[in-house]
Amino acid sequence: MIVAFSVAPSGTGRADGSVHDAVAAAVAVVRASGLPHRTSSMFTEIEGEWDEVMAVV
């Protein structure tokens, strides 16, 4: 199964309104999973069995 998701945080608390920290944290979780993944400008895709992918998401 392939799941694509995007992060749209609000209220980041940063004066510049940047969502960089929230997005970087989400990508770190995906990378730590060890599952095949791809990150683009709009989505992160994760590939694996249902239970594996849902545990990451």
C-alpha atoms as a PDB file:
ATOM      1  CA  MET A   1       0.000   0.000   0.000  1.00  0.00           C
ATOM      2  CA  ILE A   2       1.141   3.533  -0.669  1.00  0.00           C
ATOM      3  CA  VAL A   3      -0.083   6.393   1.492  1.00  0.00           C
ATOM      4  CA  ALA A   4       0.501  10.051   0.653  1.00  0.00           C
ATOM      5  CA  PHE A   5       0.049  12.757   3.250  1.00  0.00           C
ATOM      6  CA  SER A   6       0.909  16.386   3.813  1.00  0.00           C
ATOM      7  CA  VAL A   7       1.502  18.392   6.963  1.00  0.00           C
ATOM      8  CA  ALA A   8      -0.413  21.637   7.388  1.00  0.00           C
ATOM      9  CA  PRO A   9       0.395  22.871  10.898  1.00  0.00           C
ATOM     10  CA  SER A  10      -1.191  25.991  12.307  1.00  0.00           C
ATOM     11  CA  GLY A  11      -0.198  28.103  15.250  1.00  0.00           C
ATOM     12  CA  THR A  12       3.480  27.195  15.049  1.00  0.00           C
ATOM     13  CA  GLY A  13       4.423  29.884  17.530  1.00  0.00           C
ATOM     14  CA  ARG A  14       7.262  31.115  15.329  1.00  0.00           C
ATOM     15  CA  ALA A  15       7.391  34.851  14.704  1.00  0.00           C
ATOM     16  CA  ASP A  16       8.057  34.290  11.005  1.00  0.00           C
ATOM     17  CA  GLY A  17       5.133  31.846  10.647  1.00  0.00           C
ATOM     18  CA  SER A  18       7.438  29.134   9.306  1.00  0.00           C
ATOM     19  CA  VAL A  19       6.236  25.535   9.436  1.00  0.00           C
ATOM     20  CA  HIS A  20       9.753  24.170   8.892  1.00  0.00           C
ATOM     21  CA  ASP A  21      10.102  22.647  12.376  1.00  0.00           C
ATOM     22  CA  ALA A  22       6.773  20.798  12.198  1.00  0.00           C
ATOM     23  CA  VAL A  23       7.456  19.439   8.718  1.00  0.00           C
ATOM     24  CA  ALA A  24      10.998  18.391   9.670  1.00  0.00           C
ATOM     25  CA  ALA A  25       9.653  16.512  12.697  1.00  0.00           C
ATOM     26  CA  ALA A  26       7.135  14.629  10.541  1.00  0.00           C
ATOM     27  CA  VAL A  27       9.801  13.691   7.993  1.00  0.00           C
ATOM     28  CA  ALA A  28      12.067  12.466  10.812  1.00  0.00           C
ATOM     29  CA  VAL A  29       9.334  10.068  11.986  1.00  0.00           C
ATOM     30  CA  VAL A  30       8.918   8.724   8.450  1.00  0.00           C
ATOM     31  CA  ARG A  31      12.666   8.225   7.992  1.00  0.00           C
ATOM     32  CA  ALA A  32      12.991   6.484  11.363  1.00  0.00           C
ATOM     33  CA  SER A  33      10.309   3.969  10.317  1.00  0.00           C
ATOM     34  CA  GLY A  34      12.652   2.373   7.798  1.00  0.00           C
ATOM     35  CA  LEU A  35       9.824   2.069   5.267  1.00  0.00           C
ATOM     36  CA  PRO A  36      10.367   3.095   1.647  1.00  0.00           C
ATOM     37  CA  HIS A  37       9.311   6.726   1.286  1.00  0.00           C
ATOM     38  CA  ARG A  38       9.542   9.760  -0.961  1.00  0.00           C
ATOM     39  CA  THR A  39       9.129  13.389   0.011  1.00  0.00           C
ATOM     40  CA  SER A  40       8.164  16.041  -2.533  1.00  0.00           C
ATOM     41  CA  SER A  41       7.163  19.668  -2.201  1.00  0.00           C
ATOM     42  CA  MET A  42       3.520  18.718  -1.622  1.00  0.00           C
ATOM     43  CA  PHE A  43       3.379  15.207  -0.149  1.00  0.00           C
ATOM     44  CA  THR A  44       5.271  12.495   1.631  1.00  0.00           C
ATOM     45  CA  GLU A  45       4.573   8.988   0.360  1.00  0.00           C
ATOM     46  CA  ILE A  46       5.154   5.888   2.486  1.00  0.00           C
ATOM     47  CA  GLU A  47       5.052   2.333   1.157  1.00  0.00           C
ATOM     48  CA  GLY A  48       4.435  -0.794   3.207  1.00  0.00           C
ATOM     49  CA  GLU A  49       1.843  -3.071   4.716  1.00  0.00           C
ATOM     50  CA  TRP A  50      -1.288  -1.457   6.177  1.00  0.00           C
ATOM     51  CA  ASP A  51      -0.274  -1.856   9.830  1.00  0.00           C
ATOM     52  CA  GLU A  52       3.264  -0.580   9.205  1.00  0.00           C
ATOM     53  CA  VAL A  53       2.132   2.499   7.301  1.00  0.00           C
ATOM     54  CA  MET A  54      -0.694   3.369   9.701  1.00  0.00           C
ATOM     55  CA  ALA A  55       1.699   3.136  12.668  1.00  0.00           C
ATOM     56  CA  VAL A  56       3.806   5.862  11.044  1.00  0.00           C
ATOM     57  CA  VAL A  57       0.907   8.093  10.026  1.00  0.00           C
END
